[in-house]
Amino acid sequence: LHNGIYALDFKLMDKKDSLYVLEMRNQPEVARFMLTSN
């Protein structure tokens, strides 16, 4: 926790948070600059 920003370790995420990360990662705006598209 730093200046009101909370960083949650991936290893401590619940399933709902994990699925949301996957949804963000595969959104075209994000995926187009990754090593793999999806």
PDB file of all heavy atoms in Angstrom:
ATOM      1  N   LEU A   1       0.853  -1.179   0.000  1.00  0.00           N
ATOM      2  CA  LEU A   1       0.000   0.000   0.000  1.00  0.00           C
ATOM      3  C   LEU A   1       0.890   1.230   0.000  1.00  0.00           C
ATOM      4  O   LEU A   1       1.754   1.381   0.867  1.00  0.00           O
ATOM      5  CB  LEU A   1      -0.915   0.007   1.229  1.00  0.00           C
ATOM      6  CG  LEU A   1      -1.871   1.191   1.365  1.00  0.00           C
ATOM      7  CD1 LEU A   1      -2.901   1.174   0.236  1.00  0.00           C
ATOM      8  CD2 LEU A   1      -2.583   1.146   2.716  1.00  0.00           C
ATOM      9  N   HIS A   2       0.688   2.118  -0.981  1.00  0.00           N
ATOM     10  CA  HIS A   2       1.532   3.313  -1.078  1.00  0.00           C
ATOM     11  C   HIS A   2       0.718   4.463  -1.644  1.00  0.00           C
ATOM     12  O   HIS A   2       0.166   4.377  -2.749  1.00  0.00           O
ATOM     13  CB  HIS A   2       2.735   3.030  -1.986  1.00  0.00           C
ATOM     14  CG  HIS A   2       3.633   4.213  -2.176  1.00  0.00           C
ATOM     15  ND1 HIS A   2       4.352   4.794  -1.145  1.00  0.00           N
ATOM     16  CD2 HIS A   2       3.931   4.942  -3.297  1.00  0.00           C
ATOM     17  CE1 HIS A   2       5.041   5.804  -1.607  1.00  0.00           C
ATOM     18  NE2 HIS A   2       4.805   5.932  -2.897  1.00  0.00           N
ATOM     19  N   ASN A   3       0.608   5.532  -0.869  1.00  0.00           N
ATOM     20  CA  ASN A   3      -0.120   6.737  -1.302  1.00  0.00           C
ATOM     21  C   ASN A   3      -1.528   6.421  -1.802  1.00  0.00           C
ATOM     22  O   ASN A   3      -1.985   6.962  -2.814  1.00  0.00           O
ATOM     23  CB  ASN A   3       0.674   7.471  -2.391  1.00  0.00           C
ATOM     24  CG  ASN A   3       1.905   8.161  -1.841  1.00  0.00           C
ATOM     25  OD1 ASN A   3       2.027   8.387  -0.636  1.00  0.00           O
ATOM     26  ND2 ASN A   3       2.841   8.499  -2.728  1.00  0.00           N
ATOM     27  N   GLY A   4      -2.203   5.549  -1.093  1.00  0.00           N
ATOM     28  CA  GLY A   4      -3.578   5.206  -1.438  1.00  0.00           C
ATOM     29  C   GLY A   4      -3.725   4.195  -2.557  1.00  0.00           C
ATOM     30  O   GLY A   4      -4.842   3.830  -2.929  1.00  0.00           O
ATOM     31  N   ILE A   5      -2.610   3.721  -3.103  1.00  0.00           N
ATOM     32  CA  ILE A   5      -2.634   2.717  -4.171  1.00  0.00           C
ATOM     33  C   ILE A   5      -2.329   1.357  -3.550  1.00  0.00           C
ATOM     34  O   ILE A   5      -1.322   1.189  -2.860  1.00  0.00           O
ATOM     35  CB  ILE A   5      -1.603   3.031  -5.266  1.00  0.00           C
ATOM     36  CG1 ILE A   5      -1.802   4.452  -5.807  1.00  0.00           C
ATOM     37  CG2 ILE A   5      -1.693   2.000  -6.385  1.00  0.00           C
ATOM     38  CD1 ILE A   5      -3.115   4.662  -6.518  1.00  0.00           C
ATOM     39  N   TYR A   6      -3.208   0.399  -3.809  1.00  0.00           N
ATOM     40  CA  TYR A   6      -3.081  -0.938  -3.229  1.00  0.00           C
ATOM     41  C   TYR A   6      -2.659  -1.919  -4.308  1.00  0.00           C
ATOM     42  O   TYR A   6      -3.323  -2.043  -5.346  1.00  0.00           O
ATOM     43  CB  TYR A   6      -4.419  -1.359  -2.618  1.00  0.00           C
ATOM     44  CG  TYR A   6      -4.420  -2.711  -1.963  1.00  0.00           C
ATOM     45  CD1 TYR A   6      -3.523  -3.012  -0.941  1.00  0.00           C
ATOM     46  CD2 TYR A   6      -5.335  -3.684  -2.350  1.00  0.00           C
ATOM     47  CE1 TYR A   6      -3.534  -4.249  -0.326  1.00  0.00           C
ATOM     48  CE2 TYR A   6      -5.354  -4.929  -1.729  1.00  0.00           C
ATOM     49  CZ  TYR A   6      -4.448  -5.201  -0.719  1.00  0.00           C
ATOM     50  OH  TYR A   6      -4.457  -6.435  -0.115  1.00  0.00           O
ATOM     51  N   ALA A   7      -1.522  -2.603  -4.100  1.00  0.00           N
ATOM     52  CA  ALA A   7      -1.012  -3.590  -5.045  1.00  0.00           C
ATOM     53  C   ALA A   7      -1.263  -4.985  -4.494  1.00  0.00           C
ATOM     54  O   ALA A   7      -0.652  -5.384  -3.497  1.00  0.00           O
ATOM     55  CB  ALA A   7       0.474  -3.367  -5.295  1.00  0.00           C
ATOM     56  N   LEU A   8      -2.171  -5.714  -5.128  1.00  0.00           N
ATOM     57  CA  LEU A   8      -2.570  -7.049  -4.698  1.00  0.00           C
ATOM     58  C   LEU A   8      -1.774  -8.086  -5.484  1.00  0.00           C
ATOM     59  O   LEU A   8      -1.867  -8.166  -6.712  1.00  0.00           O
ATOM     60  CB  LEU A   8      -4.070  -7.241  -4.931  1.00  0.00           C
ATOM     61  CG  LEU A   8      -4.637  -8.652  -4.771  1.00  0.00           C
ATOM     62  CD1 LEU A   8      -4.439  -9.165  -3.350  1.00  0.00           C
ATOM     63  CD2 LEU A   8      -6.127  -8.663  -5.128  1.00  0.00           C
ATOM     64  N   ASP A   9      -0.985  -8.883  -4.764  1.00  0.00           N
ATOM     65  CA  ASP A   9      -0.169  -9.918  -5.391  1.00  0.00           C
ATOM     66  C   ASP A   9      -1.057 -10.904  -6.151  1.00  0.00           C
ATOM     67  O   ASP A   9      -2.083 -11.353  -5.636  1.00  0.00           O
ATOM     68  CB  ASP A   9       0.625 -10.660  -4.301  1.00  0.00           C
ATOM     69  CG  ASP A   9       1.754 -11.507  -4.855  1.00  0.00           C
ATOM     70  OD1 ASP A   9       1.492 -12.353  -5.732  1.00  0.00           O
ATOM     71  OD2 ASP A   9       2.907 -11.334  -4.414  1.00  0.00           O
ATOM     72  N   PHE A  10      -0.669 -11.226  -7.394  1.00  0.00           N
ATOM     73  CA  PHE A  10      -1.436 -12.181  -8.194  1.00  0.00           C
ATOM     74  C   PHE A  10      -1.665 -13.487  -7.440  1.00  0.00           C
ATOM     75  O   PHE A  10      -2.706 -14.135  -7.606  1.00  0.00           O
ATOM     76  CB  PHE A  10      -0.685 -12.492  -9.499  1.00  0.00           C
ATOM     77  CG  PHE A  10      -1.085 -11.624 -10.665  1.00  0.00           C
ATOM     78  CD1 PHE A  10      -1.523 -10.320 -10.469  1.00  0.00           C
ATOM     79  CD2 PHE A  10      -0.997 -12.107 -11.964  1.00  0.00           C
ATOM     80  CE1 PHE A  10      -1.888  -9.515 -11.549  1.00  0.00           C
ATOM     81  CE2 PHE A  10      -1.361 -11.319 -13.051  1.00  0.00           C
ATOM     82  CZ  PHE A  10      -1.809 -10.020 -12.841  1.00  0.00           C
ATOM     83  N   LYS A  11      -0.713 -13.884  -6.602  1.00  0.00           N
ATOM     84  CA  LYS A  11      -0.817 -15.157  -5.893  1.00  0.00           C
ATOM     85  C   LYS A  11      -1.888 -15.124  -4.819  1.00  0.00           C
ATOM     86  O   LYS A  11      -2.260 -16.175  -4.283  1.00  0.00           O
ATOM     87  CB  LYS A  11       0.543 -15.533  -5.295  1.00  0.00           C
ATOM     88  CG  LYS A  11       1.636 -15.752  -6.339  1.00  0.00           C
ATOM     89  CD  LYS A  11       2.920 -16.291  -5.725  1.00  0.00           C
ATOM     90  CE  LYS A  11       3.655 -15.301  -4.876  1.00  0.00           C
ATOM     91  NZ  LYS A  11       4.235 -14.194  -5.693  1.00  0.00           N
ATOM     92  N   LEU A  12      -2.382 -13.922  -4.485  1.00  0.00           N
ATOM     93  CA  LEU A  12      -3.409 -13.788  -3.455  1.00  0.00           C
ATOM     94  C   LEU A  12      -4.770 -13.385  -4.028  1.00  0.00           C
ATOM     95  O   LEU A  12      -5.709 -13.144  -3.274  1.00  0.00           O
ATOM     96  CB  LEU A  12      -2.969 -12.760  -2.409  1.00  0.00           C
ATOM     97  CG  LEU A  12      -1.716 -13.119  -1.598  1.00  0.00           C
ATOM     98  CD1 LEU A  12      -1.309 -11.967  -0.689  1.00  0.00           C
ATOM     99  CD2 LEU A  12      -1.950 -14.388  -0.781  1.00  0.00           C
ATOM    100  N   MET A  13      -4.879 -13.315  -5.335  1.00  0.00           N
ATOM    101  CA  MET A  13      -6.154 -12.942  -5.948  1.00  0.00           C
ATOM    102  C   MET A  13      -7.184 -14.062  -5.800  1.00  0.00           C
ATOM    103  O   MET A  13      -6.841 -15.245  -5.807  1.00  0.00           O
ATOM    104  CB  MET A  13      -5.976 -12.648  -7.448  1.00  0.00           C
ATOM    105  CG  MET A  13      -5.187 -11.414  -7.758  1.00  0.00           C
ATOM    106  SD  MET A  13      -5.292 -10.948  -9.522  1.00  0.00           S
ATOM    107  CE  MET A  13      -4.625 -12.399 -10.328  1.00  0.00           C
ATOM    108  N   ASP A  14      -8.465 -13.688  -5.696  1.00  0.00           N
ATOM    109  CA  ASP A  14      -9.517 -14.687  -5.767  1.00  0.00           C
ATOM    110  C   ASP A  14      -9.848 -14.924  -7.244  1.00  0.00           C
ATOM    111  O   ASP A  14      -9.286 -14.294  -8.146  1.00  0.00           O
ATOM    112  CB  ASP A  14     -10.747 -14.265  -4.956  1.00  0.00           C
ATOM    113  CG  ASP A  14     -11.399 -12.984  -5.467  1.00  0.00           C
ATOM    114  OD1 ASP A  14     -11.040 -12.511  -6.565  1.00  0.00           O
ATOM    115  OD2 ASP A  14     -12.283 -12.457  -4.768  1.00  0.00           O
ATOM    116  N   LYS A  15     -10.757 -15.857  -7.497  1.00  0.00           N
ATOM    117  CA  LYS A  15     -11.063 -16.233  -8.875  1.00  0.00           C
ATOM    118  C   LYS A  15     -11.662 -15.065  -9.659  1.00  0.00           C
ATOM    119  O   LYS A  15     -11.365 -14.880 -10.847  1.00  0.00           O
ATOM    120  CB  LYS A  15     -12.027 -17.419  -8.890  1.00  0.00           C
ATOM    121  CG  LYS A  15     -12.290 -17.973 -10.293  1.00  0.00           C
ATOM    122  CD  LYS A  15     -13.159 -19.224 -10.244  1.00  0.00           C
ATOM    123  CE  LYS A  15     -13.382 -19.778 -11.646  1.00  0.00           C
ATOM    124  NZ  LYS A  15     -14.225 -21.008 -11.610  1.00  0.00           N
ATOM    125  N   LYS A  16     -12.482 -14.260  -8.990  1.00  0.00           N
ATOM    126  CA  LYS A  16     -13.133 -13.138  -9.676  1.00  0.00           C
ATOM    127  C   LYS A  16     -12.095 -12.126 -10.145  1.00  0.00           C
ATOM    128  O   LYS A  16     -12.149 -11.645 -11.286  1.00  0.00           O
ATOM    129  CB  LYS A  16     -14.158 -12.480  -8.749  1.00  0.00           C
ATOM    130  CG  LYS A  16     -14.983 -11.392  -9.437  1.00  0.00           C
ATOM    131  CD  LYS A  16     -16.011 -10.804  -8.477  1.00  0.00           C
ATOM    132  CE  LYS A  16     -17.121 -11.773  -8.182  1.00  0.00           C
ATOM    133  NZ  LYS A  16     -18.210 -11.124  -7.389  1.00  0.00           N
ATOM    134  N   ASP A  17     -11.142 -11.791  -9.283  1.00  0.00           N
ATOM    135  CA  ASP A  17     -10.072 -10.875  -9.673  1.00  0.00           C
ATOM    136  C   ASP A  17      -9.233 -11.470 -10.798  1.00  0.00           C
ATOM    137  O   ASP A  17      -8.847 -10.775 -11.738  1.00  0.00           O
ATOM    138  CB  ASP A  17      -9.181 -10.550  -8.483  1.00  0.00           C
ATOM    139  CG  ASP A  17      -9.757  -9.459  -7.594  1.00  0.00           C
ATOM    140  OD1 ASP A  17     -10.688  -8.762  -8.041  1.00  0.00           O
ATOM    141  OD2 ASP A  17      -9.274  -9.295  -6.462  1.00  0.00           O
ATOM    142  N   SER A  18      -8.951 -12.761 -10.705  1.00  0.00           N
ATOM    143  CA  SER A  18      -8.131 -13.426 -11.719  1.00  0.00           C
ATOM    144  C   SER A  18      -8.801 -13.386 -13.089  1.00  0.00           C
ATOM    145  O   SER A  18      -8.151 -13.140 -14.111  1.00  0.00           O
ATOM    146  CB  SER A  18      -7.864 -14.880 -11.311  1.00  0.00           C
ATOM    147  OG  SER A  18      -7.127 -14.942 -10.106  1.00  0.00           O
ATOM    148  N   LEU A  19     -10.098 -13.620 -13.115  1.00  0.00           N
ATOM    149  CA  LEU A  19     -10.834 -13.579 -14.379  1.00  0.00           C
ATOM    150  C   LEU A  19     -10.892 -12.160 -14.939  1.00  0.00           C
ATOM    151  O   LEU A  19     -10.865 -11.961 -16.160  1.00  0.00           O
ATOM    152  CB  LEU A  19     -12.244 -14.134 -14.183  1.00  0.00           C
ATOM    153  CG  LEU A  19     -12.334 -15.651 -13.983  1.00  0.00           C
ATOM    154  CD1 LEU A  19     -13.761 -16.062 -13.617  1.00  0.00           C
ATOM    155  CD2 LEU A  19     -11.882 -16.394 -15.248  1.00  0.00           C
ATOM    156  N   TYR A  20     -10.947 -11.176 -14.062  1.00  0.00           N
ATOM    157  CA  TYR A  20     -10.971  -9.790 -14.526  1.00  0.00           C
ATOM    158  C   TYR A  20      -9.627  -9.421 -15.163  1.00  0.00           C
ATOM    159  O   TYR A  20      -9.582  -8.704 -16.170  1.00  0.00           O
ATOM    160  CB  TYR A  20     -11.293  -8.848 -13.367  1.00  0.00           C
ATOM    161  CG  TYR A  20     -11.647  -7.454 -13.817  1.00  0.00           C
ATOM    162  CD1 TYR A  20     -12.924  -7.149 -14.269  1.00  0.00           C
ATOM    163  CD2 TYR A  20     -10.700  -6.430 -13.804  1.00  0.00           C
ATOM    164  CE1 TYR A  20     -13.255  -5.867 -14.694  1.00  0.00           C
ATOM    165  CE2 TYR A  20     -11.018  -5.149 -14.223  1.00  0.00           C
ATOM    166  CZ  TYR A  20     -12.300  -4.873 -14.666  1.00  0.00           C
ATOM    167  OH  TYR A  20     -12.619  -3.609 -15.104  1.00  0.00           O
ATOM    168  N   VAL A  21      -8.533  -9.897 -14.574  1.00  0.00           N
ATOM    169  CA  VAL A  21      -7.214  -9.669 -15.161  1.00  0.00           C
ATOM    170  C   VAL A  21      -7.150 -10.274 -16.562  1.00  0.00           C
ATOM    171  O   VAL A  21      -6.647  -9.648 -17.503  1.00  0.00           O
ATOM    172  CB  VAL A  21      -6.105 -10.271 -14.270  1.00  0.00           C
ATOM    173  CG1 VAL A  21      -4.759 -10.264 -15.007  1.00  0.00           C
ATOM    174  CG2 VAL A  21      -5.981  -9.485 -12.976  1.00  0.00           C
ATOM    175  N   LEU A  22      -7.669 -11.480 -16.716  1.00  0.00           N
ATOM    176  CA  LEU A  22      -7.676 -12.130 -18.033  1.00  0.00           C
ATOM    177  C   LEU A  22      -8.474 -11.311 -19.038  1.00  0.00           C
ATOM    178  O   LEU A  22      -8.059 -11.145 -20.196  1.00  0.00           O
ATOM    179  CB  LEU A  22      -8.271 -13.535 -17.913  1.00  0.00           C
ATOM    180  CG  LEU A  22      -8.418 -14.331 -19.218  1.00  0.00           C
ATOM    181  CD1 LEU A  22      -7.059 -14.560 -19.867  1.00  0.00           C
ATOM    182  CD2 LEU A  22      -9.127 -15.655 -18.959  1.00  0.00           C
ATOM    183  N   GLU A  23      -9.609 -10.777 -18.606  1.00  0.00           N
ATOM    184  CA  GLU A  23     -10.443  -9.959 -19.490  1.00  0.00           C
ATOM    185  C   GLU A  23      -9.702  -8.690 -19.911  1.00  0.00           C
ATOM    186  O   GLU A  23      -9.746  -8.297 -21.090  1.00  0.00           O
ATOM    187  CB  GLU A  23     -11.750  -9.609 -18.776  1.00  0.00           C
ATOM    188  CG  GLU A  23     -12.772  -8.926 -19.669  1.00  0.00           C
ATOM    189  CD  GLU A  23     -14.090  -8.657 -18.960  1.00  0.00           C
ATOM    190  OE1 GLU A  23     -14.196  -8.978 -17.757  1.00  0.00           O
ATOM    191  OE2 GLU A  23     -15.000  -8.110 -19.603  1.00  0.00           O
ATOM    192  N   MET A  24      -9.010  -8.046 -18.971  1.00  0.00           N
ATOM    193  CA  MET A  24      -8.233  -6.855 -19.310  1.00  0.00           C
ATOM    194  C   MET A  24      -7.114  -7.201 -20.286  1.00  0.00           C
ATOM    195  O   MET A  24      -6.893  -6.510 -21.289  1.00  0.00           O
ATOM    196  CB  MET A  24      -7.623  -6.231 -18.044  1.00  0.00           C
ATOM    197  CG  MET A  24      -8.590  -5.536 -17.128  1.00  0.00           C
ATOM    198  SD  MET A  24      -7.726  -4.529 -15.865  1.00  0.00           S
ATOM    199  CE  MET A  24      -6.831  -5.794 -14.951  1.00  0.00           C
ATOM    200  N   ARG A  25      -6.398  -8.278 -19.975  1.00  0.00           N
ATOM    201  CA  ARG A  25      -5.223  -8.667 -20.772  1.00  0.00           C
ATOM    202  C   ARG A  25      -5.589  -8.986 -22.221  1.00  0.00           C
ATOM    203  O   ARG A  25      -4.814  -8.708 -23.152  1.00  0.00           O
ATOM    204  CB  ARG A  25      -4.553  -9.866 -20.094  1.00  0.00           C
ATOM    205  CG  ARG A  25      -3.509 -10.611 -20.919  1.00  0.00           C
ATOM    206  CD  ARG A  25      -2.358  -9.733 -21.343  1.00  0.00           C
ATOM    207  NE  ARG A  25      -1.381 -10.467 -22.105  1.00  0.00           N
ATOM    208  CZ  ARG A  25      -1.509 -10.816 -23.389  1.00  0.00           C
ATOM    209  NH1 ARG A  25      -2.594 -10.454 -24.057  1.00  0.00           N
ATOM    210  NH2 ARG A  25      -0.557 -11.483 -24.008  1.00  0.00           N
ATOM    211  N   ASN A  26      -6.754  -9.559 -22.447  1.00  0.00           N
ATOM    212  CA  ASN A  26      -7.152  -9.951 -23.793  1.00  0.00           C
ATOM    213  C   ASN A  26      -7.939  -8.878 -24.534  1.00  0.00           C
ATOM    214  O   ASN A  26      -8.314  -9.073 -25.693  1.00  0.00           O
ATOM    215  CB  ASN A  26      -7.966 -11.246 -23.751  1.00  0.00           C
ATOM    216  CG  ASN A  26      -7.078 -12.470 -23.567  1.00  0.00           C
ATOM    217  OD1 ASN A  26      -5.881 -12.438 -23.836  1.00  0.00           O
ATOM    218  ND2 ASN A  26      -7.670 -13.561 -23.091  1.00  0.00           N
ATOM    219  N   GLN A  27      -8.184  -7.741 -23.869  1.00  0.00           N
ATOM    220  CA  GLN A  27      -8.854  -6.651 -24.560  1.00  0.00           C
ATOM    221  C   GLN A  27      -7.917  -6.123 -25.648  1.00  0.00           C
ATOM    222  O   GLN A  27      -6.725  -5.927 -25.410  1.00  0.00           O
ATOM    223  CB  GLN A  27      -9.195  -5.552 -23.543  1.00  0.00           C
ATOM    224  CG  GLN A  27     -10.346  -4.663 -23.933  1.00  0.00           C
ATOM    225  CD  GLN A  27      -9.896  -3.511 -24.830  1.00  0.00           C
ATOM    226  OE1 GLN A  27      -8.717  -3.217 -24.940  1.00  0.00           O
ATOM    227  NE2 GLN A  27     -10.854  -2.848 -25.455  1.00  0.00           N
ATOM    228  N   PRO A  28      -8.412  -5.926 -26.875  1.00  0.00           N
ATOM    229  CA  PRO A  28      -7.539  -5.568 -28.005  1.00  0.00           C
ATOM    230  C   PRO A  28      -6.617  -4.385 -27.749  1.00  0.00           C
ATOM    231  O   PRO A  28      -5.461  -4.384 -28.207  1.00  0.00           O
ATOM    232  CB  PRO A  28      -8.540  -5.264 -29.123  1.00  0.00           C
ATOM    233  CG  PRO A  28      -9.725  -6.120 -28.802  1.00  0.00           C
ATOM    234  CD  PRO A  28      -9.810  -6.124 -27.300  1.00  0.00           C
ATOM    235  N   GLU A  29      -7.084  -3.379 -27.013  1.00  0.00           N
ATOM    236  CA  GLU A  29      -6.269  -2.202 -26.731  1.00  0.00           C
ATOM    237  C   GLU A  29      -5.002  -2.565 -25.958  1.00  0.00           C
ATOM    238  O   GLU A  29      -3.954  -1.928 -26.121  1.00  0.00           O
ATOM    239  CB  GLU A  29      -7.096  -1.185 -25.932  1.00  0.00           C
ATOM    240  CG  GLU A  29      -6.358   0.101 -25.577  1.00  0.00           C
ATOM    241  CD  GLU A  29      -7.207   1.031 -24.728  1.00  0.00           C
ATOM    242  OE1 GLU A  29      -8.451   0.945 -24.806  1.00  0.00           O
ATOM    243  OE2 GLU A  29      -6.627   1.844 -24.000  1.00  0.00           O
ATOM    244  N   VAL A  30      -5.105  -3.592 -25.109  1.00  0.00           N
ATOM    245  CA  VAL A  30      -3.962  -4.048 -24.319  1.00  0.00           C
ATOM    246  C   VAL A  30      -3.168  -5.107 -25.080  1.00  0.00           C
ATOM    247  O   VAL A  30      -1.939  -5.049 -25.171  1.00  0.00           O
ATOM    248  CB  VAL A  30      -4.435  -4.626 -22.962  1.00  0.00           C
ATOM    249  CG1 VAL A  30      -3.272  -5.245 -22.196  1.00  0.00           C
ATOM    250  CG2 VAL A  30      -5.104  -3.536 -22.129  1.00  0.00           C
ATOM    251  N   ALA A  31      -3.879  -6.083 -25.658  1.00  0.00           N
ATOM    252  CA  ALA A  31      -3.230  -7.242 -26.268  1.00  0.00           C
ATOM    253  C   ALA A  31      -2.346  -6.897 -27.454  1.00  0.00           C
ATOM    254  O   ALA A  31      -1.361  -7.593 -27.730  1.00  0.00           O
ATOM    255  CB  ALA A  31      -4.294  -8.263 -26.695  1.00  0.00           C
ATOM    256  N   ARG A  32      -2.646  -5.821 -28.165  1.00  0.00           N
ATOM    257  CA  ARG A  32      -1.897  -5.518 -29.383  1.00  0.00           C
ATOM    258  C   ARG A  32      -0.450  -5.133 -29.116  1.00  0.00           C
ATOM    259  O   ARG A  32       0.383  -5.148 -30.030  1.00  0.00           O
ATOM    260  CB  ARG A  32      -2.589  -4.404 -30.182  1.00  0.00           C
ATOM    261  CG  ARG A  32      -2.612  -3.036 -29.537  1.00  0.00           C
ATOM    262  CD  ARG A  32      -3.574  -2.123 -30.272  1.00  0.00           C
ATOM    263  NE  ARG A  32      -3.645  -0.779 -29.718  1.00  0.00           N
ATOM    264  CZ  ARG A  32      -3.067   0.276 -30.285  1.00  0.00           C
ATOM    265  NH1 ARG A  32      -2.395   0.128 -31.417  1.00  0.00           N
ATOM    266  NH2 ARG A  32      -3.176   1.467 -29.734  1.00  0.00           N
ATOM    267  N   PHE A  33      -0.109  -4.828 -27.851  1.00  0.00           N
ATOM    268  CA  PHE A  33       1.272  -4.492 -27.525  1.00  0.00           C
ATOM    269  C   PHE A  33       1.957  -5.588 -26.705  1.00  0.00           C
ATOM    270  O   PHE A  33       3.052  -5.390 -26.177  1.00  0.00           O
ATOM    271  CB  PHE A  33       1.332  -3.173 -26.768  1.00  0.00           C
ATOM    272  CG  PHE A  33       0.942  -1.986 -27.615  1.00  0.00           C
ATOM    273  CD1 PHE A  33      -0.179  -1.232 -27.308  1.00  0.00           C
ATOM    274  CD2 PHE A  33       1.696  -1.636 -28.728  1.00  0.00           C
ATOM    275  CE1 PHE A  33      -0.540  -0.140 -28.089  1.00  0.00           C
ATOM    276  CE2 PHE A  33       1.342  -0.540 -29.519  1.00  0.00           C
ATOM    277  CZ  PHE A  33       0.220   0.194 -29.208  1.00  0.00           C
ATOM    278  N   MET A  34       1.311  -6.760 -26.609  1.00  0.00           N
ATOM    279  CA  MET A  34       1.894  -7.884 -25.882  1.00  0.00           C
ATOM    280  C   MET A  34       2.615  -8.824 -26.849  1.00  0.00           C
ATOM    281  O   MET A  34       2.436  -8.756 -28.061  1.00  0.00           O
ATOM    282  CB  MET A  34       0.790  -8.646 -25.135  1.00  0.00           C
ATOM    283  CG  MET A  34       0.063  -7.817 -24.094  1.00  0.00           C
ATOM    284  SD  MET A  34       1.183  -7.309 -22.764  1.00  0.00           S
ATOM    285  CE  MET A  34       0.029  -6.504 -21.648  1.00  0.00           C
ATOM    286  N   LEU A  35       3.417  -9.730 -26.290  1.00  0.00           N
ATOM    287  CA  LEU A  35       4.125 -10.697 -27.123  1.00  0.00           C
ATOM    288  C   LEU A  35       3.158 -11.638 -27.823  1.00  0.00           C
ATOM    289  O   LEU A  35       3.405 -12.080 -28.946  1.00  0.00           O
ATOM    290  CB  LEU A  35       5.117 -11.500 -26.274  1.00  0.00           C
ATOM    291  CG  LEU A  35       6.292 -10.712 -25.686  1.00  0.00           C
ATOM    292  CD1 LEU A  35       7.203 -11.631 -24.894  1.00  0.00           C
ATOM    293  CD2 LEU A  35       7.082 -10.013 -26.772  1.00  0.00           C
ATOM    294  N   THR A  36       2.051 -11.958 -27.154  1.00  0.00           N
ATOM    295  CA  THR A  36       1.009 -12.790 -27.749  1.00  0.00           C
ATOM    296  C   THR A  36      -0.309 -12.031 -27.691  1.00  0.00           C
ATOM    297  O   THR A  36      -0.589 -11.339 -26.710  1.00  0.00           O
ATOM    298  CB  THR A  36       0.863 -14.136 -27.008  1.00  0.00           C
ATOM    299  OG1 THR A  36       0.656 -13.886 -25.612  1.00  0.00           O
ATOM    300  CG2 THR A  36       2.125 -14.975 -27.167  1.00  0.00           C
ATOM    301  N   SER A  37      -1.112 -12.194 -28.732  1.00  0.00           N
ATOM    302  CA  SER A  37      -2.344 -11.414 -28.817  1.00  0.00           C
ATOM    303  C   SER A  37      -3.353 -11.803 -27.749  1.00  0.00           C
ATOM    304  O   SER A  37      -3.951 -10.943 -27.103  1.00  0.00           O
ATOM    305  CB  SER A  37      -2.964 -11.581 -30.210  1.00  0.00           C
ATOM    306  OG  SER A  37      -2.096 -11.081 -31.198  1.00  0.00           O
ATOM    307  N   ASN A  38      -3.555 -13.102 -27.571  1.00  0.00           N
ATOM    308  CA  ASN A  38      -4.547 -13.569 -26.611  1.00  0.00           C
ATOM    309  C   ASN A  38      -4.001 -14.749 -25.827  1.00  0.00           C
ATOM    310  O   ASN A  38      -3.191 -15.528 -26.327  1.00  0.00           O
ATOM    311  CB  ASN A  38      -5.841 -13.976 -27.317  1.00  0.00           C
ATOM    312  CG  ASN A  38      -6.633 -12.794 -27.820  1.00  0.00           C
ATOM    313  OD1 ASN A  38      -6.376 -12.300 -28.908  1.00  0.00           O
ATOM    314  ND2 ASN A  38      -7.590 -12.332 -27.036  1.00  0.00           N
TER     315      ASN A  38
END
